[in-house]
Protein backbone atom coordinates (compact mmCIF):
# COMPACT_ATOMS: atom_id res chain seq x y z
CA UNK A 1 23.52 20.02 2.87
CA UNK A 2 21.25 17.00 2.61
CA UNK A 3 17.67 17.33 1.53
CA UNK A 4 14.96 17.26 4.20
CA UNK A 5 11.81 15.18 3.71
CA UNK A 6 8.60 14.86 5.71
CA UNK A 7 6.60 11.60 5.44
CA UNK A 8 3.06 11.39 6.78
CA UNK A 9 2.45 8.72 7.98
CA UNK A 10 5.70 6.81 8.22
CA UNK A 11 4.32 3.74 10.00
CA UNK A 12 2.70 1.99 7.03
CA UNK A 13 4.36 -0.07 4.32
CA UNK A 14 4.83 2.89 1.95
CA UNK A 15 6.17 5.16 4.66
CA UNK A 16 8.73 2.67 5.91
CA UNK A 17 10.00 1.71 2.43
CA UNK A 18 10.13 5.37 1.40
CA UNK A 19 12.05 6.35 4.53
CA UNK A 20 14.60 3.60 3.87
CA UNK A 21 15.02 4.80 0.29
CA UNK A 22 15.48 8.44 1.28
CA UNK A 23 17.91 7.65 4.08
CA UNK A 24 20.04 5.68 1.62
CA UNK A 25 20.04 8.73 -0.64
CA UNK A 26 21.36 10.91 2.17
CA UNK A 27 18.16 12.68 3.18
CA UNK A 28 17.25 13.84 6.64
CA UNK A 29 13.85 12.24 7.18
CA UNK A 30 11.07 13.42 9.46
CA UNK A 31 8.13 11.07 9.90
CA UNK A 32 4.80 11.16 11.69
CA UNK A 33 2.67 8.34 12.98
CA UNK A 34 4.51 6.26 15.49
CA UNK A 35 7.88 5.40 16.96
CA UNK A 36 10.75 3.16 15.95
CA UNK A 37 9.21 0.10 17.59
CA UNK A 38 5.89 0.63 15.83
CA UNK A 39 7.66 0.77 12.50
CA UNK A 40 7.99 -3.01 12.67
CA UNK A 41 4.44 -3.23 11.34
CA UNK A 42 3.73 -6.37 9.39
CA UNK A 43 6.08 -9.26 9.92
CA UNK A 44 9.03 -8.16 7.84
CA UNK A 45 9.63 -5.03 9.86
CA UNK A 46 11.99 -2.42 8.51
CA UNK A 47 15.59 -1.32 8.76
CA UNK A 48 14.97 1.44 11.28
CA UNK A 49 16.42 -0.51 14.19
CA UNK A 50 19.72 1.30 13.65
CA UNK A 51 18.00 4.52 14.81
CA UNK A 52 19.69 6.63 12.20
CA UNK A 53 20.62 10.11 13.38
CA UNK A 54 19.04 11.38 10.15
CA UNK A 55 15.63 9.98 11.13
CA UNK A 56 13.24 11.95 13.34
CA UNK A 57 9.87 10.44 14.23
CA UNK A 58 6.92 12.17 15.84
CA UNK A 59 4.21 10.08 17.50
CA UNK A 60 0.55 10.98 17.06
CA UNK A 61 0.52 12.49 20.54
CA UNK A 62 3.42 14.79 19.71
CA UNK A 63 1.37 16.71 17.14
CA UNK A 64 -2.16 16.22 18.42
CA UNK A 65 -2.26 19.79 19.71
CA UNK A 66 -0.26 21.32 16.86
CA UNK A 67 -0.97 22.03 13.21
CA UNK A 68 0.52 21.15 9.87
CA UNK A 69 1.72 24.75 9.59
CA UNK A 70 3.56 24.53 12.92
CA UNK A 71 5.40 21.40 11.89
CA UNK A 72 6.29 22.67 8.43
CA UNK A 73 7.56 25.93 9.91
CA UNK A 74 10.00 23.99 12.09
CA UNK A 75 11.12 21.38 9.56
CA UNK A 76 10.99 23.51 6.37
CA UNK A 77 11.21 20.37 4.22
CA UNK A 78 12.40 20.16 0.64
CA UNK A 79 9.90 17.37 -0.01
CA UNK A 80 6.62 16.36 1.60
CA UNK A 81 5.19 12.89 1.00
CA UNK A 82 1.56 12.72 2.12
CA UNK A 83 0.75 9.01 2.06
CA UNK A 84 -2.44 9.15 4.11
CA UNK A 85 -4.82 9.52 1.19
CA UNK A 86 -4.94 5.83 0.30
CA UNK A 87 -6.59 2.97 2.10
CA UNK A 88 -9.74 0.97 2.50
CA UNK A 89 -13.24 1.69 3.64
CA UNK A 90 -13.76 3.05 7.16
CA UNK A 91 -14.85 -0.41 8.32
CA UNK A 92 -11.42 -1.88 7.64
CA UNK A 93 -9.01 1.03 7.81
CA UNK A 94 -6.52 1.70 10.57
CA UNK A 95 -8.15 4.34 12.73
CA UNK A 96 -4.71 5.48 13.81
CA UNK A 97 -4.13 6.89 10.33
CA UNK A 98 -7.30 9.00 10.24
CA UNK A 99 -5.22 12.01 11.24
CA UNK A 100 -3.45 11.88 7.90
CA UNK A 101 -6.29 11.37 5.46
CA UNK A 102 -8.42 14.15 6.89
CA UNK A 103 -8.02 17.16 9.15
CA UNK A 104 -4.62 18.75 9.68
CA UNK A 105 -2.84 16.69 7.05
CA UNK A 106 -5.33 16.92 4.24
CA UNK A 107 -3.81 18.14 0.98
CA UNK A 108 -5.54 21.49 1.39
CA UNK A 109 -4.12 22.12 4.87
CA UNK A 110 -0.58 21.13 3.93
CA UNK A 111 -0.54 23.06 0.64
CA UNK A 112 -1.93 26.17 2.30
CA UNK A 113 0.72 25.90 5.00
CA UNK A 114 3.42 25.68 2.32
CA UNK A 115 2.02 28.78 0.64
CA UNK A 116 1.57 30.86 3.80
CA UNK A 117 5.06 29.99 5.06
CA UNK A 118 6.59 31.18 1.79
CA UNK A 119 7.90 27.71 0.91
CA UNK A 120 6.43 27.72 -2.63
CA UNK A 121 9.83 27.64 -4.32
CA UNK A 122 11.45 25.29 -1.79
CA UNK A 123 8.98 22.57 -0.86
CA UNK A 124 7.73 19.95 -3.30
CA UNK A 125 4.55 18.05 -2.42
CA UNK A 126 3.59 14.48 -3.32
CA UNK A 127 0.16 13.05 -2.55
CA UNK A 128 -0.82 9.38 -2.67
CA UNK A 129 -4.22 9.17 -4.33
CA UNK A 130 -6.21 5.90 -4.50
CA UNK A 131 -7.14 4.29 -7.79
CA UNK A 132 -10.74 4.47 -6.55
CA UNK A 133 -10.65 8.09 -7.75
CA UNK A 134 -11.57 6.65 -11.12
CA UNK A 135 -14.65 4.94 -9.74
CA UNK A 136 -16.05 1.75 -11.20
CA UNK A 137 -14.60 2.07 -14.68
CA UNK A 138 -14.79 -1.39 -16.21
CA UNK A 139 -13.18 -2.61 -19.38
CA UNK A 140 -10.70 0.24 -20.05
CA UNK A 141 -7.12 0.91 -19.07
CA UNK A 142 -7.06 3.85 -16.69
CA UNK A 143 -4.52 6.57 -17.38
CA UNK A 144 -4.06 10.16 -16.22
CA UNK A 145 -6.79 11.41 -18.59
CA UNK A 146 -9.67 9.29 -17.27
CA UNK A 147 -12.47 11.38 -15.76
CA UNK A 148 -12.81 11.04 -12.01
CA UNK A 149 -15.97 9.20 -11.05
CA UNK A 150 -15.57 8.67 -7.34
CA UNK A 151 -17.21 5.69 -5.72
CA UNK A 152 -17.94 4.82 -3.02
CA UNK A 153 -18.69 7.81 -0.81
CA UNK A 154 -15.90 7.26 1.71
CA UNK A 155 -13.37 8.40 -0.91
CA UNK A 156 -14.97 11.84 -1.19
CA UNK A 157 -12.06 13.40 0.71
CA UNK A 158 -9.64 11.84 -1.81
CA UNK A 159 -11.22 13.63 -4.75
CA UNK A 160 -11.19 16.86 -2.74
CA UNK A 161 -7.46 16.39 -2.14
CA UNK A 162 -6.87 15.70 -5.84
CA UNK A 163 -8.48 18.95 -6.99
CA UNK A 164 -6.82 20.95 -4.21
CA UNK A 165 -3.48 19.80 -5.62
CA UNK A 166 -4.46 20.83 -9.14
CA UNK A 167 -5.65 24.21 -7.87
CA UNK A 168 -2.50 25.04 -5.89
CA UNK A 169 -0.33 23.88 -8.75
CA UNK A 170 -2.08 25.99 -11.37
CA UNK A 171 -3.07 29.00 -9.26
CA UNK A 172 -0.11 29.45 -6.93
CA UNK A 173 2.64 27.67 -8.85
CA UNK A 174 3.39 25.10 -6.16
CA UNK A 175 5.23 21.96 -7.08
CA UNK A 176 2.41 19.58 -6.17
CA UNK A 177 1.44 16.28 -7.75
CA UNK A 178 -0.63 13.15 -7.24
CA UNK A 179 0.35 9.55 -7.74
CA UNK A 180 -2.78 7.56 -8.58
CA UNK A 181 -1.75 4.34 -6.92
CA UNK A 182 -3.00 0.93 -7.87
CA UNK A 183 -2.60 -2.05 -5.55
CA UNK A 184 0.85 -2.34 -4.08
CA UNK A 185 1.75 -4.99 -1.54
CA UNK A 186 4.60 -6.31 0.61
CA UNK A 187 5.24 -8.29 3.78
CA UNK A 188 4.56 -5.02 5.59
CA UNK A 189 1.05 -4.71 4.18
CA UNK A 190 -1.74 -4.52 6.75
CA UNK A 191 -3.59 -7.77 7.34
CA UNK A 192 -6.81 -5.93 6.44
CA UNK A 193 -5.82 -6.26 2.78
CA UNK A 194 -6.61 -9.41 0.83
CA UNK A 195 -3.02 -10.16 -0.21
CA UNK A 196 -1.73 -10.33 3.36
CA UNK A 197 -4.85 -12.20 4.40
CA UNK A 198 -4.04 -14.82 1.76
CA UNK A 199 -0.34 -15.26 2.57
CA UNK A 200 -0.88 -15.13 6.32
CA UNK A 201 -3.81 -17.55 6.38
CA UNK A 202 -2.20 -20.10 4.05
CA UNK A 203 1.00 -20.01 6.11
CA UNK A 204 -1.06 -20.51 9.27
CA UNK A 205 -2.92 -23.42 7.66
CA UNK A 206 0.35 -25.27 7.00
CA UNK A 207 1.21 -24.94 10.70
CA UNK A 208 -2.18 -26.02 11.99
CA UNK A 209 -3.15 -22.54 13.22
CA UNK A 210 -6.10 -22.17 10.84
CA UNK A 211 -8.30 -24.57 8.92
CA UNK A 212 -9.49 -22.65 5.86
CA UNK A 213 -8.96 -19.35 4.03
CA UNK A 214 -12.27 -17.54 3.42
CA UNK A 215 -12.37 -15.01 0.57
CA UNK A 216 -14.82 -13.08 -1.59
CA UNK A 217 -14.81 -12.85 -5.39
CA UNK A 218 -12.00 -15.08 -6.67
CA UNK A 219 -12.51 -13.75 -10.20
CA UNK A 220 -11.70 -10.16 -9.23
CA UNK A 221 -8.78 -8.83 -11.28
CA UNK A 222 -6.16 -6.64 -9.69
CA UNK A 223 -2.95 -4.92 -10.76
CA UNK A 224 -0.52 -5.81 -7.96
CA UNK A 225 2.96 -4.35 -7.58
CA UNK A 226 5.53 -4.22 -4.80
CA UNK A 227 5.44 -1.19 -2.50
CA UNK A 228 9.23 -1.04 -2.57
CA UNK A 229 9.08 -0.33 -6.32
CA UNK A 230 6.23 2.14 -5.98
CA UNK A 231 7.99 4.41 -3.49
CA UNK A 232 10.81 4.83 -6.03
CA UNK A 233 8.19 6.16 -8.41
CA UNK A 234 6.96 8.56 -5.72
CA UNK A 235 10.47 9.90 -5.24
CA UNK A 236 11.02 10.24 -9.00
CA UNK A 237 7.87 12.35 -9.32
CA UNK A 238 9.43 15.04 -7.11
CA UNK A 239 12.73 15.08 -9.02
CA UNK A 240 11.28 16.38 -12.31
CA UNK A 241 11.51 19.91 -13.68
CA UNK A 242 7.75 20.41 -13.40
CA UNK A 243 5.00 18.68 -11.42
CA UNK A 244 2.67 16.19 -13.09
CA UNK A 245 0.25 13.51 -11.97
CA UNK A 246 1.07 9.88 -12.73
CA UNK A 247 -0.67 6.51 -12.64
CA UNK A 248 1.46 4.08 -10.62
CA UNK A 249 0.82 0.47 -11.66
CA UNK A 250 2.39 -2.52 -13.38
CA UNK A 251 -0.12 -2.67 -16.24
CA UNK A 252 -0.60 -6.42 -15.66
CA UNK A 253 -3.62 -8.01 -14.00
CA UNK A 254 -4.11 -11.24 -12.07
CA UNK A 255 -7.16 -12.74 -10.41
CA UNK A 256 -7.43 -13.30 -6.69
CA UNK A 257 -7.53 -17.02 -7.52
CA UNK A 258 -4.14 -16.77 -9.26
CA UNK A 259 -2.65 -14.96 -6.27
CA UNK A 260 -3.91 -17.76 -4.00
CA UNK A 261 -2.45 -20.38 -6.35
CA UNK A 262 0.99 -18.71 -6.39
CA UNK A 263 1.02 -18.42 -2.58
CA UNK A 264 -0.05 -22.04 -2.11
CA UNK A 265 2.66 -23.28 -4.48
CA UNK A 266 5.31 -21.43 -2.50
CA UNK A 267 4.10 -23.38 0.54
CA UNK A 268 4.27 -26.67 -1.35
CA UNK A 269 0.54 -27.00 -1.98
CA UNK A 270 -1.09 -27.65 -5.34
CA UNK A 271 -4.73 -26.61 -5.52
CA UNK A 272 -7.69 -27.42 -7.72
CA UNK A 273 -10.69 -25.09 -7.68
CA UNK A 274 -14.17 -26.58 -8.05
CA UNK A 275 -17.64 -25.08 -8.04
CA UNK A 276 -18.80 -21.62 -8.99
CA UNK A 277 -19.65 -18.44 -7.12
CA UNK A 278 -20.18 -18.90 -3.41
CA UNK A 279 -19.83 -22.67 -3.87
CA UNK A 280 -16.25 -22.47 -5.14
CA UNK A 281 -13.63 -24.30 -3.11
CA UNK A 282 -9.87 -24.73 -3.27
CA UNK A 283 -8.92 -28.38 -2.70
CA UNK A 284 -5.41 -29.77 -2.20
CA UNK A 285 -4.40 -32.11 -5.03
CA UNK A 286 -0.75 -32.60 -4.07
CA UNK A 287 1.70 -31.85 -1.27
CA UNK A 288 5.13 -31.07 -2.71
CA UNK A 289 6.97 -29.68 0.31
CA UNK A 290 7.51 -30.79 3.92
CA UNK A 291 6.29 -27.35 4.98
CA UNK A 292 2.73 -28.56 4.33
CA UNK A 293 3.29 -32.11 5.56
CA UNK A 294 0.56 -31.79 8.21
CA UNK A 295 -2.05 -31.36 5.45
CA UNK A 296 -3.39 -34.03 3.15
CA UNK A 297 -4.73 -34.37 -0.37
CA UNK A 298 -8.44 -33.60 -0.46
CA UNK A 299 -8.36 -30.97 2.29
CA UNK A 300 -10.46 -27.89 1.50
CA UNK A 301 -8.25 -24.93 2.36
CA UNK A 302 -9.97 -22.14 0.38
CA UNK A 303 -13.67 -21.25 0.41
CA UNK A 304 -15.81 -18.35 -0.79
CA UNK A 305 -17.72 -16.47 1.90
CA UNK A 306 -20.57 -14.20 0.74
CA UNK A 307 -19.70 -11.74 3.51
CA UNK A 308 -16.54 -10.79 1.65
CA UNK A 309 -18.15 -10.20 -1.75
CA UNK A 310 -18.48 -6.49 -2.46
CA UNK A 311 -21.84 -5.58 -4.02
CA UNK A 312 -20.17 -3.14 -6.40
CA UNK A 313 -16.98 -5.00 -7.29
CA UNK A 314 -14.92 -3.48 -10.10
CA UNK A 315 -13.77 -6.74 -11.64
CA UNK A 316 -12.14 -5.52 -14.83
CA UNK A 317 -10.38 -2.30 -13.86
CA UNK A 318 -6.90 -2.06 -15.38
CA UNK A 319 -4.23 0.61 -15.40
CA UNK A 320 -2.03 2.14 -18.08
CA UNK A 321 1.31 3.32 -16.60
CA UNK A 322 2.79 4.27 -20.00
CA UNK A 323 3.33 7.90 -19.00
CA UNK A 324 5.46 6.91 -16.01
CA UNK A 325 7.59 4.62 -18.14
CA UNK A 326 8.02 7.22 -20.87
CA UNK A 327 8.65 10.35 -18.78
CA UNK A 328 10.28 8.92 -15.66
CA UNK A 329 11.90 5.78 -17.01
CA UNK A 330 10.15 3.88 -14.24
CA UNK A 331 9.17 0.24 -14.39
CA UNK A 332 8.48 -2.21 -11.57
CA UNK A 333 11.46 -4.39 -10.68
CA UNK A 334 9.63 -7.09 -8.72
CA UNK A 335 7.38 -9.63 -10.42
CA UNK A 336 4.15 -10.73 -8.78
CA UNK A 337 5.55 -14.20 -8.23
CA UNK A 338 8.66 -12.86 -6.50
CA UNK A 339 6.54 -10.56 -4.35
CA UNK A 340 4.32 -13.48 -3.34
CA UNK A 341 7.38 -15.53 -2.39
CA UNK A 342 8.67 -12.69 -0.21
CA UNK A 343 5.30 -12.28 1.51
CA UNK A 344 4.75 -15.99 2.03
CA UNK A 345 8.21 -16.57 3.51
CA UNK A 346 7.75 -13.69 5.97
CA UNK A 347 4.33 -14.98 7.06
CA UNK A 348 5.57 -18.56 7.24
CA UNK A 349 8.34 -17.53 9.64
CA UNK A 350 5.72 -15.90 11.88
CA UNK A 351 3.40 -18.91 11.62
CA UNK A 352 6.18 -21.31 12.62
CA UNK A 353 7.02 -19.15 15.62
CA UNK A 354 3.36 -18.97 16.66
CA UNK A 355 3.01 -22.75 16.29
CA UNK A 356 6.04 -23.34 18.53
CA UNK A 357 4.66 -21.00 21.17
CA UNK A 358 1.31 -22.79 21.02
CA UNK A 359 2.99 -26.18 21.34
CA UNK A 360 5.46 -25.38 24.10
CA UNK A 361 3.69 -22.48 25.80
C-alpha cells in the first residue's frame, strides 16, 4: 500500500511543490488550506489540475469546527508535514494561514494528537521552522548547534513549536524533527516577499504597468534557494532511521541588489546603481532585449524607500548546511540565476497578459 501524507497548509509554494513530489513517489496526499483552484497561487500554478485520485484537499471551512486529533484519527498518516510555522510578520502574512501556525495545528497540538491516538510508531512529523529562530546572529554561519535567540516577538510561537518537537522526540520517542529553513523562493512565492516583489515589479515596468521598483536595504544579504529543492530535503528528513533537526540552505549569500541585477538582466535591462542609503537608485544603462523596448537609457527603475528598511535588519546572517549534505546527501539543484530566470519568465507572462487586457479592455 502507498504511504499516506498530510500537508498543512498545501496552498503555499512549499505545500504545492511537496504535494507534487509525493504524488510522483506514489503517496496518497491529504492537504489542508484550500481547493484545487486556489492551488494556482502565484503565477506559475501547479500540476494539480489533473485532480489526481490520490489527492484529497480540505478547505479551511471543512475543518473549522474539528480538531487536529479528529483529522489524524481519520487519515492516520505515515507522514505529517506542518509547513505553517514559517512566514513573515503579522503585518505582511497571509491571514488565511493563521490556522496552521497557531491553534489546532501548532506542533504541540499535532504531536499530542499523534501520541494520544497511538500513532507514535507509525506517524513521522516534520515541522518547518523559520531561520528567525536564531535571532539576529550576525557574522557567523548558523548551523544546528547555534543557540536560539528569537527576535522579533511575533516568532515566539515558532520557538515554542521547536521545543515541543524536541520534548516529544526525547520524552515520548516520536519521530519528530524541524527543518530550520532559510529563504526559499519560486514563481509560486507570495508577492509579500521581496523576491517576488522584485521579479513582478520589474516585469510590470517593462510592460508599462509600473514606473519604479521601491525597496528597502539593498545591501541586505540573503541565502536564497528554490522551494522545489527544499521540499526534497523535507521529504528526506522523514526517511532516515532516526529523527534529527537540519538547517536547510544553500550556504551561499547574495545581496538584494544582486538579485535585482540578475532579474533586470533577464528582462534585457542593464542597471547602474548610484547614491548611498535612501538616496540609492538603479538607473538603466543599456537595453539589450526587445522585451524592455518601451524603456530608455537613463530611466530610474529602482529606488530605496525608507518605509521598507527594517530597523533591526540582520544583514550578515549566513547558514551552514553541511550536516544536510553529509547525512542526507542533499544539495540544491537550482542556482540562484536559474531560479531568477524561472521567476522572471513567469511574472513576465502575467505582465504581458495584464498589459494586453489594459490595452484592449
